[in-house]
Structures are given as structure tokens and as C-alpha cells.
Amino acid sequence: MQKQQRRHVVLDWEPKRASAGRGCDHPGCTGGGDYRAPKARDPGGGHWWFCLDHVRDYNRAWDFFAGMSQADIEDYQRKNATWHRPTWRLGERIGADVDGVWVRDDLGLLAEVELDKTIFGGKRSAAPPKNPEERQALAALDLQPHVSLAEIKTRYKELAKRFHPDTHGGDKDAEERFKQINQAYTYLLSCGYT
């Protein structure tokens, strides 16, 4: 059985050679610092430049997980499977982190083309009404097809106050309009608007 030879690899993915004239960072070494090795675990920690012999010694002694508890090591390895990016279960997260908004419009470009947050903000609006009853209910409340539940509720409160029979002193037209508003609101609540 042949003895396998140990190979020493510089910790970077590719060996980076120093510019001519760089010295080895190992104390007392006068060799050229041709090979870089990380100073710390995080990528922004900088690099040492060593000669070949000293970079091999450094790599042998390097312990990436030095100073970490067993729980920290396991957490790091678990997160490493997804490159330390946030993850969630399928179907749990719909949209971005910014107050539930799933399209950010920091520059106000969508407002310029008259697309507002009823379509591109908060929670997604319900699909356009497919049946005539839903279209009639929206028309009774004077609402557009793409509307959220919050807008339906707000509009219902406005119209209910305006056409309530107590405010019109028994006016039959106002009473009939109030009934239509209540029926339309009840129907739209059953349609699943969010």
C-alpha cells in the first residue's frame, strides 16, 4: 500500500500571486510573499502574504471554526447549504420584507404611468370579477374591478353613512339604495377579497 502524499492548498479558490517585491509577512522571513492566506474567517478581514513554506505552515494550523461553540458550528454548516441566504418553506412567504409590499417603487415610476398600490402594493388585489353578480356588486359600491378588501370596507362605510334611512327621514329611495349597498357588501365579502 502506497502512502498518500498530503497536499497543501492555499485557502483561496485560486492562488493569487503578489506583485513583484512583496515580502513574506511571517516574522523574520526574507522570502517573497507570493501566496495569500486569510487573516480572519470573514472575507473582509484582509490577507497575509506568505512564501510557499510559510503558507503551508499557516494552512496546516488554520482552524476556520476556532472560537465557535458546537451549536454555532452546526448553525453555520446548516446555513452554508443555502449560502447563508434567508430561506422559508414553500408557500409561507409571498412578497418582500417591506411592509408586505411585493413591488417596490422607490422612484415613483409606477405612479407616473398611473399604476397604484391597489395593484402593486400591500396584499395583492383580487382577480378581476368573473361573474356578473360580482361586477354588479362592485358597481353598487362605485368600485373598480381591481380592489382590496380594505377599500371595499372603506367605501361601504362611506355609502352606509350617506344613505342610512335615519339620516334621510324615511326617504324610500335612500332606503332602497341602503339595501343595495348592504347586499353588495355582503356578497363581496363572500367572494374572498383580501
Protein backbone atom coordinates (compact mmCIF):
# COMPACT_ATOMS: atom_id res chain seq x y z
CA MET A 1 0.00 0.00 0.00
CA GLN A 2 1.40 3.32 -1.01
CA LYS A 3 1.43 6.17 1.41
CA GLN A 4 -0.69 9.05 0.11
CA GLN A 5 1.08 12.32 -0.14
CA ARG A 6 -0.52 15.22 1.66
CA ARG A 7 -1.37 18.20 -0.49
CA HIS A 8 -1.40 21.69 0.96
CA VAL A 9 -3.78 24.11 -0.62
CA VAL A 10 -3.96 27.85 -0.20
CA LEU A 11 -7.33 28.73 1.35
CA ASP A 12 -8.45 30.92 -1.55
CA TRP A 13 -10.09 29.26 -4.52
CA GLU A 14 -7.25 30.24 -6.77
CA PRO A 15 -3.69 31.08 -5.80
CA LYS A 16 -3.16 34.81 -6.01
CA ARG A 17 0.36 35.92 -6.68
CA ALA A 18 1.65 39.11 -5.16
CA SER A 19 3.13 41.87 -7.15
CA ALA A 20 6.89 41.74 -7.50
CA GLY A 21 8.79 42.88 -4.47
CA ARG A 22 6.27 41.94 -1.77
CA GLY A 23 7.91 40.26 1.21
CA CYS A 24 6.66 37.37 3.31
CA ASP A 25 4.55 38.51 6.29
CA HIS A 26 5.97 35.81 8.57
CA PRO A 27 8.24 37.42 11.20
CA GLY A 28 11.90 37.01 10.34
CA CYS A 29 11.35 35.61 6.83
CA THR A 30 13.12 37.30 3.94
CA GLY A 31 11.39 35.29 1.19
CA GLY A 32 8.90 36.70 -1.28
CA GLY A 33 5.24 36.91 -0.24
CA ASP A 34 3.75 35.20 -3.28
CA TYR A 35 0.79 33.40 -1.68
CA ARG A 36 -2.08 34.97 0.21
CA ALA A 37 -3.94 33.49 3.16
CA PRO A 38 -6.92 34.97 5.04
CA LYS A 39 -6.34 36.78 8.33
CA ALA A 40 -9.83 36.01 9.64
CA ARG A 41 -12.93 33.92 8.99
CA ASP A 42 -14.89 36.72 7.30
CA PRO A 43 -13.92 37.71 3.74
CA GLY A 44 -13.38 41.36 4.67
CA GLY A 45 -10.71 40.52 7.23
CA GLY A 46 -7.81 41.02 4.85
CA HIS A 47 -4.97 38.70 3.86
CA TRP A 48 -1.46 37.77 4.83
CA TRP A 49 1.14 37.27 2.12
CA PHE A 50 3.50 34.35 2.72
CA CYS A 51 6.21 32.45 0.93
CA LEU A 52 5.38 28.86 -0.05
CA ASP A 53 6.81 27.26 3.11
CA HIS A 54 5.03 29.64 5.47
CA VAL A 55 1.69 29.45 3.66
CA ARG A 56 1.86 25.66 4.02
CA ASP A 57 2.52 26.01 7.77
CA TYR A 58 -0.31 28.54 8.07
CA ASN A 59 -2.74 26.25 6.24
CA ARG A 60 -1.84 23.31 8.47
CA ALA A 61 -2.58 25.35 11.60
CA TRP A 62 -5.70 27.12 10.26
CA ASP A 63 -8.97 26.30 12.05
CA PHE A 64 -11.94 28.03 10.47
CA PHE A 65 -14.21 27.23 13.42
CA ALA A 66 -11.78 28.32 16.16
CA GLY A 67 -13.61 30.13 18.95
CA MET A 68 -17.08 28.89 17.93
CA SER A 69 -19.30 26.72 20.09
CA GLN A 70 -20.66 23.41 18.80
CA ALA A 71 -24.10 24.99 18.32
CA ASP A 72 -22.56 27.86 16.33
CA ILE A 73 -20.67 25.41 14.12
CA GLU A 74 -23.82 23.38 13.41
CA ASP A 75 -25.79 26.56 12.67
CA TYR A 76 -23.05 27.77 10.30
CA GLN A 77 -22.98 24.43 8.47
CA ARG A 78 -26.78 24.35 8.18
CA LYS A 79 -26.85 27.88 6.74
CA ASN A 80 -23.94 27.05 4.43
CA ALA A 81 -26.25 24.73 2.48
CA THR A 82 -28.08 27.84 1.21
CA TRP A 83 -25.04 30.13 1.06
CA HIS A 84 -26.21 31.93 4.24
CA ARG A 85 -29.20 33.41 2.42
CA PRO A 86 -32.66 33.56 4.06
CA THR A 87 -34.99 30.68 3.29
CA TRP A 88 -38.61 29.79 4.06
CA ARG A 89 -40.97 26.91 3.47
CA LEU A 90 -42.81 26.72 0.17
CA GLY A 91 -45.93 28.87 0.24
CA GLU A 92 -45.10 30.66 3.51
CA ARG A 93 -43.64 33.80 2.06
CA ILE A 94 -45.30 35.71 -0.72
CA GLY A 95 -43.65 39.05 -1.35
CA ALA A 96 -40.82 41.10 0.08
CA ASP A 97 -39.97 42.23 3.61
CA VAL A 98 -41.01 45.85 3.10
CA ASP A 99 -44.35 46.10 4.92
CA GLY A 100 -45.88 43.38 2.76
CA VAL A 101 -45.21 45.28 -0.47
CA TRP A 102 -44.28 42.86 -3.23
CA VAL A 103 -43.20 45.52 -5.75
CA ARG A 104 -41.05 48.40 -4.51
CA ASP A 105 -41.45 51.70 -6.33
CA ASP A 106 -38.83 53.89 -4.64
CA LEU A 107 -38.58 56.22 -7.64
CA GLY A 108 -42.34 56.61 -8.14
CA LEU A 109 -42.23 55.30 -11.69
CA LEU A 110 -45.43 53.28 -11.35
CA ALA A 111 -47.35 56.35 -10.19
CA GLU A 112 -46.26 58.18 -13.35
CA VAL A 113 -47.95 55.57 -15.53
CA GLU A 114 -50.99 55.57 -13.20
CA LEU A 115 -50.43 52.16 -11.64
CA ASP A 116 -51.14 52.50 -7.95
CA LYS A 117 -50.71 50.32 -4.89
CA THR A 118 -54.11 48.65 -5.28
CA ILE A 119 -52.39 46.50 -7.88
CA PHE A 120 -48.73 46.68 -6.81
CA GLY A 121 -48.77 47.11 -3.07
CA GLY A 122 -49.77 45.70 0.27
CA LYS A 123 -51.53 42.48 -0.41
CA ARG A 124 -52.36 41.51 -3.93
CA SER A 125 -55.76 42.55 -5.17
CA ALA A 126 -58.36 40.02 -6.06
CA ALA A 127 -58.56 38.90 -9.67
CA PRO A 128 -60.93 40.88 -11.89
CA PRO A 129 -64.56 39.86 -11.33
CA LYS A 130 -65.55 36.95 -13.48
CA ASN A 131 -69.31 36.79 -12.96
CA PRO A 132 -71.98 39.45 -13.49
CA GLU A 133 -73.11 39.39 -9.83
CA GLU A 134 -69.66 40.41 -8.67
CA ARG A 135 -69.49 43.18 -11.28
CA GLN A 136 -72.93 44.44 -10.18
CA ALA A 137 -71.91 44.40 -6.52
CA LEU A 138 -68.79 46.43 -7.30
CA ALA A 139 -70.86 48.86 -9.39
CA ALA A 140 -73.33 49.26 -6.49
CA LEU A 141 -70.44 50.42 -4.31
CA ASP A 142 -68.93 52.51 -7.16
CA LEU A 143 -65.68 50.50 -7.16
CA GLN A 144 -63.27 49.41 -9.89
CA PRO A 145 -62.55 45.71 -10.67
CA HIS A 146 -59.10 45.63 -9.02
CA VAL A 147 -59.86 46.45 -5.41
CA SER A 148 -58.75 45.25 -1.99
CA LEU A 149 -60.88 44.29 0.99
CA ALA A 150 -59.79 47.43 2.85
CA GLU A 151 -61.06 49.63 0.01
CA ILE A 152 -64.37 47.73 -0.08
CA LYS A 153 -64.83 48.26 3.67
CA THR A 154 -63.96 51.95 3.47
CA ARG A 155 -66.34 52.54 0.59
CA TYR A 156 -69.13 50.61 2.35
CA LYS A 157 -68.79 52.78 5.48
CA GLU A 158 -68.96 55.97 3.41
CA LEU A 159 -72.05 54.90 1.48
CA ALA A 160 -73.81 53.41 4.52
CA LYS A 161 -73.47 56.72 6.39
CA ARG A 162 -74.65 58.69 3.36
CA PHE A 163 -77.73 56.58 2.57
CA HIS A 164 -78.78 55.37 6.04
CA PRO A 165 -82.60 55.76 6.46
CA ASP A 166 -82.19 57.58 9.79
CA THR A 167 -80.32 60.43 8.10
CA HIS A 168 -82.93 60.83 5.32
CA GLY A 169 -86.10 60.85 7.41
CA GLY A 170 -87.80 57.83 5.81
CA ASP A 171 -86.94 58.60 2.16
CA LYS A 172 -87.82 55.44 0.18
CA ASP A 173 -85.11 55.99 -2.46
CA ALA A 174 -82.40 56.29 0.21
CA GLU A 175 -83.75 53.19 1.96
CA GLU A 176 -83.68 51.19 -1.29
CA ARG A 177 -80.12 52.36 -2.04
CA PHE A 178 -79.08 51.40 1.50
CA LYS A 179 -80.43 47.85 0.93
CA GLN A 180 -78.48 47.57 -2.34
CA ILE A 181 -75.28 48.70 -0.61
CA ASN A 182 -75.72 46.13 2.18
CA GLN A 183 -76.44 43.30 -0.28
CA ALA A 184 -73.45 44.23 -2.46
CA TYR A 185 -71.13 44.44 0.57
CA THR A 186 -72.30 41.06 1.93
CA TYR A 187 -71.83 39.44 -1.48
CA LEU A 188 -68.31 40.88 -1.94
CA LEU A 189 -67.26 39.63 1.50
CA SER A 190 -68.25 36.12 0.42
CA CYS A 191 -66.16 36.38 -2.80
CA GLY A 192 -62.83 36.11 -0.98
CA TYR A 193 -61.29 39.56 -1.40
CA THR A 194 -58.08 40.06 0.55
